[in-house]
Structures are given as C-alpha cells and as structure tokens.
C-alpha cells in the first residue's frame, strides 16, 4: 500500500520505501508507526508537505484496517481464538506486563486454550481433541 501511494504521489524510491515499511511492520506495536514517520520524512523532504500529509493519511487508514480487521482474522484462523479472546488477551497482557505482555498475550491465550482442552479431555477419559 505504501509503494502504491508513493508511486501515485511520484515520490522517489517508492519501491524501496515500501520494502522498508514492510520490514518495519514486522516489529510489533511500534514498527508501523516508525515506518510511517520514515516515509513521511522522505516524502516531506522530496515532495513537500501535501505529499507527506497524503502519505501519512493513507498509511494511518491502512494501519487501522490492518489492526482492527486483518490481524484479528489471521489470529482467529491461526490460533483458533475468537476476536473477543484476542482483544482481551492483548489488553490483559498489556495491563499486566506492558509491551512484552501485549506481545505475549495471544500466544499465552492460545496455549491456555490447548492445555485446558487437554485437561478436560483427560478428566473425561477421552482422547485429546485434534
């Protein structure tokens, strides 16, 4: 999305900046914001304030869609947790341990779900769920 936006704005190094943002986006919680600041700085220096403002606006909208729709869908399909459980696990992790807790909230919730299913199956004398 960054590359397409920068190409539309005729900003230099659009593909390279898109790759940089993709790499920054791998860093949880702060990566997308750091990538946005980086792109805004380059766009401001090369194309002016209007191009930088448009790039930042597009990136913020995309980040919001990604954070509130795409990530929850991916987590739901991979970890098999409901969107509510995902949101609660991140919030609880952040409250208990800050940024590291927010990062570990979803994996811990998934592990807790698997362990509880195993214990319930064992107590009932059944095979563990697949």
N, C-alpha and C. Protein backbone atom coordinates (compact mmCIF):
# COMPACT_ATOMS: atom_id res chain seq x y z
N UNK A 1 0.82 -1.18 0.00
CA UNK A 1 0.00 0.00 0.00
C UNK A 1 0.87 1.25 0.00
N UNK A 2 1.96 1.20 0.75
CA UNK A 2 2.88 2.34 0.79
C UNK A 2 3.49 2.60 -0.58
N UNK A 3 3.92 1.54 -1.24
CA UNK A 3 4.53 1.69 -2.56
C UNK A 3 3.53 2.29 -3.55
N UNK A 4 2.30 1.80 -3.55
CA UNK A 4 1.29 2.32 -4.46
C UNK A 4 1.00 3.80 -4.18
N UNK A 5 0.91 4.16 -2.92
CA UNK A 5 0.66 5.54 -2.56
C UNK A 5 1.80 6.44 -3.01
N UNK A 6 3.04 6.00 -2.77
CA UNK A 6 4.18 6.82 -3.14
C UNK A 6 4.34 6.90 -4.66
N UNK A 7 4.00 5.83 -5.36
CA UNK A 7 4.02 5.89 -6.82
C UNK A 7 2.99 6.88 -7.34
N UNK A 8 1.80 6.89 -6.74
CA UNK A 8 0.76 7.83 -7.14
C UNK A 8 1.18 9.27 -6.86
N UNK A 9 1.97 9.47 -5.82
CA UNK A 9 2.45 10.81 -5.47
C UNK A 9 3.73 11.19 -6.21
N UNK A 10 4.24 10.29 -7.05
CA UNK A 10 5.50 10.48 -7.79
C UNK A 10 6.68 10.72 -6.85
N UNK A 11 6.66 10.08 -5.71
CA UNK A 11 7.77 10.20 -4.76
C UNK A 11 8.92 9.31 -5.20
N UNK A 12 10.14 9.75 -4.98
CA UNK A 12 11.28 8.91 -5.36
C UNK A 12 11.42 7.72 -4.41
N UNK A 13 12.01 6.68 -4.93
CA UNK A 13 12.30 5.46 -4.14
C UNK A 13 11.05 4.81 -3.57
N UNK A 14 9.96 4.81 -4.32
CA UNK A 14 8.69 4.29 -3.82
C UNK A 14 8.78 2.81 -3.48
N UNK A 15 9.41 2.02 -4.33
CA UNK A 15 9.51 0.58 -4.08
C UNK A 15 10.42 0.32 -2.88
N UNK A 16 11.54 1.00 -2.84
CA UNK A 16 12.47 0.81 -1.71
C UNK A 16 11.82 1.21 -0.40
N UNK A 17 11.10 2.30 -0.39
CA UNK A 17 10.41 2.73 0.83
C UNK A 17 9.31 1.75 1.22
N UNK A 18 8.64 1.17 0.24
CA UNK A 18 7.63 0.15 0.54
C UNK A 18 8.25 -1.07 1.21
N UNK A 19 9.43 -1.46 0.75
CA UNK A 19 10.14 -2.60 1.36
C UNK A 19 10.57 -2.24 2.78
N UNK A 20 11.06 -1.02 2.96
CA UNK A 20 11.47 -0.58 4.30
C UNK A 20 10.28 -0.61 5.26
N UNK A 21 9.12 -0.13 4.81
CA UNK A 21 7.93 -0.13 5.66
C UNK A 21 7.50 -1.57 5.97
N UNK A 22 7.62 -2.46 4.98
CA UNK A 22 7.28 -3.87 5.23
C UNK A 22 8.18 -4.47 6.29
N UNK A 23 9.45 -4.13 6.26
CA UNK A 23 10.38 -4.63 7.28
C UNK A 23 10.07 -4.02 8.64
N UNK A 24 9.83 -2.71 8.67
CA UNK A 24 9.45 -2.05 9.93
C UNK A 24 8.16 -2.66 10.49
N UNK A 25 7.24 -3.01 9.62
CA UNK A 25 5.94 -3.53 10.05
C UNK A 25 6.06 -4.88 10.75
N UNK A 26 7.18 -5.55 10.60
CA UNK A 26 7.39 -6.82 11.29
C UNK A 26 7.62 -6.62 12.79
N UNK A 27 8.00 -5.42 13.18
CA UNK A 27 8.21 -5.12 14.59
C UNK A 27 6.85 -4.82 15.21
N UNK A 28 6.43 -5.62 16.18
CA UNK A 28 5.09 -5.42 16.75
C UNK A 28 4.94 -4.07 17.45
N UNK A 29 3.75 -3.55 17.38
CA UNK A 29 3.30 -2.35 18.07
C UNK A 29 3.91 -1.04 17.58
N UNK A 30 5.20 -0.95 17.39
CA UNK A 30 5.81 0.32 17.01
C UNK A 30 6.34 0.35 15.59
N UNK A 31 6.42 -0.78 14.94
CA UNK A 31 7.03 -0.85 13.62
C UNK A 31 6.29 -0.06 12.57
N UNK A 32 4.98 -0.18 12.52
CA UNK A 32 4.20 0.54 11.51
C UNK A 32 4.30 2.04 11.72
N UNK A 33 4.30 2.48 12.96
CA UNK A 33 4.43 3.91 13.26
C UNK A 33 5.81 4.42 12.85
N UNK A 34 6.84 3.65 13.15
CA UNK A 34 8.19 4.04 12.75
C UNK A 34 8.30 4.11 11.23
N UNK A 35 7.71 3.17 10.53
CA UNK A 35 7.71 3.19 9.07
C UNK A 35 6.98 4.40 8.52
N UNK A 36 5.87 4.76 9.14
CA UNK A 36 5.11 5.94 8.72
C UNK A 36 5.93 7.21 8.91
N UNK A 37 6.61 7.32 10.03
CA UNK A 37 7.46 8.50 10.28
C UNK A 37 8.58 8.56 9.26
N UNK A 38 9.17 7.43 8.95
CA UNK A 38 10.26 7.37 7.97
C UNK A 38 9.77 7.83 6.60
N UNK A 39 8.65 7.28 6.16
CA UNK A 39 8.09 7.65 4.85
C UNK A 39 7.69 9.11 4.84
N UNK A 40 7.08 9.59 5.91
CA UNK A 40 6.68 10.99 5.97
C UNK A 40 7.88 11.92 5.87
N UNK A 41 8.96 11.55 6.51
CA UNK A 41 10.18 12.36 6.45
C UNK A 41 10.73 12.43 5.03
N UNK A 42 10.79 11.28 4.36
CA UNK A 42 11.28 11.26 2.99
C UNK A 42 10.34 12.03 2.06
N UNK A 43 9.03 11.81 2.20
CA UNK A 43 8.07 12.50 1.35
C UNK A 43 8.10 14.01 1.59
N UNK A 44 8.26 14.41 2.83
CA UNK A 44 8.32 15.83 3.16
C UNK A 44 9.55 16.47 2.53
N UNK A 45 10.66 15.78 2.60
CA UNK A 45 11.91 16.32 2.06
C UNK A 45 11.96 16.34 0.55
N UNK A 46 11.25 15.44 -0.10
CA UNK A 46 11.35 15.35 -1.56
C UNK A 46 10.14 15.92 -2.30
N UNK A 47 8.94 15.78 -1.74
CA UNK A 47 7.73 16.20 -2.47
C UNK A 47 6.95 17.30 -1.77
N UNK A 48 7.29 17.63 -0.55
CA UNK A 48 6.59 18.73 0.12
C UNK A 48 5.56 18.24 1.14
N UNK A 49 4.96 19.23 1.78
CA UNK A 49 4.04 18.94 2.88
C UNK A 49 2.79 18.20 2.43
N UNK A 50 2.22 18.60 1.30
CA UNK A 50 0.98 17.98 0.84
C UNK A 50 1.17 16.49 0.57
N UNK A 51 2.25 16.12 -0.09
CA UNK A 51 2.52 14.70 -0.37
C UNK A 51 2.76 13.93 0.91
N UNK A 52 3.49 14.53 1.85
CA UNK A 52 3.73 13.87 3.13
C UNK A 52 2.43 13.66 3.89
N UNK A 53 1.56 14.65 3.89
CA UNK A 53 0.29 14.54 4.60
C UNK A 53 -0.60 13.46 3.97
N UNK A 54 -0.62 13.39 2.64
CA UNK A 54 -1.41 12.36 1.97
C UNK A 54 -0.85 10.97 2.28
N UNK A 55 0.47 10.83 2.23
CA UNK A 55 1.10 9.53 2.52
C UNK A 55 0.80 9.09 3.95
N UNK A 56 0.91 10.01 4.89
CA UNK A 56 0.63 9.68 6.29
C UNK A 56 -0.84 9.30 6.47
N UNK A 57 -1.74 10.04 5.85
CA UNK A 57 -3.16 9.74 5.98
C UNK A 57 -3.49 8.36 5.43
N UNK A 58 -2.97 8.03 4.26
CA UNK A 58 -3.22 6.72 3.67
C UNK A 58 -2.64 5.61 4.55
N UNK A 59 -1.44 5.82 5.05
CA UNK A 59 -0.81 4.79 5.89
C UNK A 59 -1.57 4.61 7.21
N UNK A 60 -2.07 5.68 7.79
CA UNK A 60 -2.82 5.56 9.04
C UNK A 60 -4.12 4.80 8.80
N UNK A 61 -4.82 5.12 7.72
CA UNK A 61 -6.06 4.40 7.40
C UNK A 61 -5.77 2.92 7.18
N UNK A 62 -4.73 2.63 6.42
CA UNK A 62 -4.38 1.23 6.17
C UNK A 62 -4.01 0.52 7.46
N UNK A 63 -3.24 1.17 8.34
CA UNK A 63 -2.86 0.56 9.61
C UNK A 63 -4.09 0.24 10.46
N UNK A 64 -5.06 1.13 10.46
CA UNK A 64 -6.26 0.90 11.25
C UNK A 64 -7.05 -0.29 10.70
N UNK A 65 -7.17 -0.38 9.39
CA UNK A 65 -7.86 -1.53 8.78
C UNK A 65 -7.10 -2.81 9.10
N UNK A 66 -5.78 -2.76 8.96
CA UNK A 66 -4.97 -3.95 9.25
C UNK A 66 -5.11 -4.37 10.71
N UNK A 67 -5.01 -3.41 11.62
CA UNK A 67 -5.05 -3.74 13.05
C UNK A 67 -6.41 -4.23 13.51
N UNK A 68 -7.47 -3.65 12.99
CA UNK A 68 -8.80 -3.97 13.50
C UNK A 68 -9.54 -5.03 12.71
N UNK A 69 -9.10 -5.32 11.50
CA UNK A 69 -9.80 -6.32 10.68
C UNK A 69 -8.88 -7.47 10.31
N UNK A 70 -7.80 -7.18 9.60
CA UNK A 70 -6.96 -8.23 9.05
C UNK A 70 -6.25 -9.06 10.13
N UNK A 71 -5.65 -8.39 11.12
CA UNK A 71 -4.93 -9.14 12.15
C UNK A 71 -5.86 -10.04 12.95
N UNK A 72 -7.05 -9.56 13.27
CA UNK A 72 -7.98 -10.39 14.04
C UNK A 72 -8.41 -11.60 13.22
N UNK A 73 -8.61 -11.42 11.91
CA UNK A 73 -8.96 -12.55 11.05
C UNK A 73 -7.83 -13.58 11.01
N UNK A 74 -6.62 -13.10 10.84
CA UNK A 74 -5.46 -14.01 10.79
C UNK A 74 -5.29 -14.73 12.11
N UNK A 75 -5.35 -14.00 13.21
CA UNK A 75 -5.21 -14.63 14.53
C UNK A 75 -6.32 -15.63 14.77
N UNK A 76 -7.54 -15.30 14.35
CA UNK A 76 -8.66 -16.21 14.55
C UNK A 76 -8.43 -17.51 13.80
N UNK A 77 -7.91 -17.43 12.61
CA UNK A 77 -7.70 -18.64 11.80
C UNK A 77 -6.48 -19.42 12.23
N UNK A 78 -5.44 -18.78 12.72
CA UNK A 78 -4.22 -19.50 13.10
C UNK A 78 -4.23 -19.98 14.53
N UNK A 79 -4.66 -19.15 15.46
CA UNK A 79 -4.63 -19.51 16.88
C UNK A 79 -5.94 -20.13 17.31
N UNK A 80 -6.99 -19.99 16.50
CA UNK A 80 -8.32 -20.53 16.78
C UNK A 80 -8.91 -19.90 18.04
N UNK A 81 -8.73 -18.59 18.19
CA UNK A 81 -9.34 -17.84 19.28
C UNK A 81 -10.34 -16.87 18.69
N UNK A 82 -11.38 -16.57 19.44
CA UNK A 82 -12.37 -15.60 18.97
C UNK A 82 -11.76 -14.19 18.98
N UNK A 83 -12.30 -13.28 18.19
CA UNK A 83 -11.80 -11.91 18.21
C UNK A 83 -11.87 -11.28 19.61
N UNK A 84 -12.90 -11.61 20.37
CA UNK A 84 -13.01 -11.09 21.73
C UNK A 84 -11.87 -11.63 22.61
N UNK A 85 -11.59 -12.92 22.50
CA UNK A 85 -10.50 -13.51 23.28
C UNK A 85 -9.15 -12.89 22.90
N UNK A 86 -8.98 -12.60 21.62
CA UNK A 86 -7.74 -11.97 21.17
C UNK A 86 -7.60 -10.57 21.76
N UNK A 87 -8.67 -9.80 21.67
CA UNK A 87 -8.63 -8.43 22.21
C UNK A 87 -8.40 -8.44 23.72
N UNK A 88 -9.09 -9.34 24.42
CA UNK A 88 -8.91 -9.42 25.88
C UNK A 88 -7.52 -9.90 26.27
N UNK A 89 -6.97 -10.85 25.51
CA UNK A 89 -5.65 -11.35 25.87
C UNK A 89 -4.58 -10.28 25.66
N UNK A 90 -4.71 -9.48 24.61
CA UNK A 90 -3.76 -8.39 24.39
C UNK A 90 -3.92 -7.33 25.47
N UNK A 91 -5.16 -6.99 25.79
CA UNK A 91 -5.40 -5.97 26.82
C UNK A 91 -4.91 -6.43 28.19
N UNK A 92 -5.20 -7.69 28.53
CA UNK A 92 -4.75 -8.21 29.83
C UNK A 92 -3.22 -8.29 29.88
N UNK A 93 -2.62 -8.75 28.80
CA UNK A 93 -1.16 -8.81 28.77
C UNK A 93 -0.52 -7.45 28.90
N UNK A 94 -1.11 -6.46 28.22
CA UNK A 94 -0.57 -5.10 28.30
C UNK A 94 -0.73 -4.53 29.71
N UNK A 95 -1.86 -4.82 30.34
CA UNK A 95 -2.08 -4.31 31.69
C UNK A 95 -1.14 -4.97 32.70
N UNK A 96 -0.88 -6.25 32.53
CA UNK A 96 -0.04 -6.98 33.49
C UNK A 96 1.45 -6.76 33.28
N UNK A 97 1.88 -6.67 32.01
CA UNK A 97 3.32 -6.62 31.77
C UNK A 97 3.73 -5.61 30.70
N UNK A 98 2.88 -4.67 30.36
CA UNK A 98 3.25 -3.64 29.40
C UNK A 98 3.39 -4.20 27.99
N UNK A 99 4.37 -3.68 27.26
CA UNK A 99 4.58 -4.08 25.86
C UNK A 99 4.90 -5.56 25.74
N UNK A 100 5.81 -6.12 26.55
CA UNK A 100 6.07 -7.56 26.42
C UNK A 100 4.81 -8.39 26.70
N UNK A 101 3.99 -7.96 27.63
CA UNK A 101 2.76 -8.67 27.92
C UNK A 101 1.78 -8.62 26.76
N UNK A 102 1.71 -7.48 26.09
CA UNK A 102 0.84 -7.36 24.92
C UNK A 102 1.32 -8.27 23.80
N UNK A 103 2.63 -8.37 23.65
CA UNK A 103 3.18 -9.24 22.61
C UNK A 103 2.95 -10.71 22.92
N UNK A 104 2.98 -11.07 24.19
CA UNK A 104 2.83 -12.47 24.57
C UNK A 104 1.40 -12.86 24.91
N UNK A 105 0.47 -11.92 24.90
CA UNK A 105 -0.91 -12.20 25.29
C UNK A 105 -1.58 -13.25 24.42
N UNK A 106 -1.49 -13.12 23.11
CA UNK A 106 -2.16 -14.06 22.21
C UNK A 106 -1.54 -15.45 22.28
N UNK A 107 -0.21 -15.59 22.21
CA UNK A 107 0.35 -16.94 22.34
C UNK A 107 0.01 -17.61 23.68
N UNK A 108 0.01 -16.84 24.75
CA UNK A 108 -0.33 -17.42 26.05
C UNK A 108 -1.80 -17.83 26.11
N UNK A 109 -2.68 -17.02 25.52
CA UNK A 109 -4.10 -17.39 25.49
C UNK A 109 -4.31 -18.65 24.66
N UNK A 110 -3.61 -18.77 23.53
CA UNK A 110 -3.71 -19.98 22.72
C UNK A 110 -3.20 -21.20 23.45
N UNK A 111 -2.07 -21.04 24.16
CA UNK A 111 -1.52 -22.15 24.93
C UNK A 111 -2.47 -22.54 26.06
N UNK A 112 -3.05 -21.56 26.72
CA UNK A 112 -4.01 -21.83 27.80
C UNK A 112 -5.22 -22.59 27.27
N UNK A 113 -5.69 -22.23 26.09
CA UNK A 113 -6.82 -22.92 25.48
C UNK A 113 -6.48 -24.39 25.20
N UNK A 114 -5.32 -24.64 24.63
CA UNK A 114 -4.92 -26.01 24.30
C UNK A 114 -4.74 -26.84 25.57
N UNK A 115 -4.08 -26.28 26.57
CA UNK A 115 -3.86 -27.02 27.82
C UNK A 115 -5.19 -27.31 28.51
N UNK A 116 -6.10 -26.35 28.52
CA UNK A 116 -7.40 -26.59 29.17
C UNK A 116 -8.19 -27.66 28.42
N UNK A 117 -8.12 -27.69 27.10
CA UNK A 117 -8.80 -28.74 26.34
C UNK A 117 -8.20 -30.12 26.65
N UNK A 118 -6.89 -30.17 26.79
CA UNK A 118 -6.23 -31.43 27.13
C UNK A 118 -6.65 -31.92 28.52
N UNK A 119 -6.70 -31.01 29.48
CA UNK A 119 -7.07 -31.38 30.85
C UNK A 119 -8.52 -31.85 30.90
N UNK A 120 -9.41 -31.15 30.23
CA UNK A 120 -10.82 -31.55 30.22
C UNK A 120 -10.97 -32.92 29.57
N UNK A 121 -10.29 -33.16 28.46
CA UNK A 121 -10.36 -34.47 27.79
C UNK A 121 -9.79 -35.57 28.69
N UNK A 122 -8.70 -35.28 29.38
CA UNK A 122 -8.10 -36.28 30.27
C UNK A 122 -9.04 -36.61 31.43
N UNK A 123 -9.67 -35.57 32.00
CA UNK A 123 -10.59 -35.78 33.12
C UNK A 123 -11.82 -36.59 32.70
N UNK A 124 -12.25 -36.46 31.47
CA UNK A 124 -13.39 -37.21 30.96
C UNK A 124 -13.00 -38.59 30.47
N UNK A 125 -11.72 -38.84 30.39
CA UNK A 125 -11.26 -40.14 29.91
C UNK A 125 -11.35 -40.27 28.39
N UNK A 126 -11.34 -39.15 27.70
CA UNK A 126 -11.44 -39.14 26.24
C UNK A 126 -10.07 -38.89 25.63
N UNK A 127 -10.01 -39.08 24.31
CA UNK A 127 -8.81 -38.70 23.59
C UNK A 127 -8.78 -37.18 23.48
N UNK A 128 -7.59 -36.65 23.42
CA UNK A 128 -7.44 -35.20 23.31
C UNK A 128 -7.98 -34.73 21.97
N UNK A 129 -8.58 -33.55 21.92
CA UNK A 129 -9.08 -33.04 20.65
C UNK A 129 -7.93 -32.81 19.66
N UNK A 130 -8.23 -32.94 18.39
CA UNK A 130 -7.20 -32.76 17.36
C UNK A 130 -6.80 -31.32 17.23
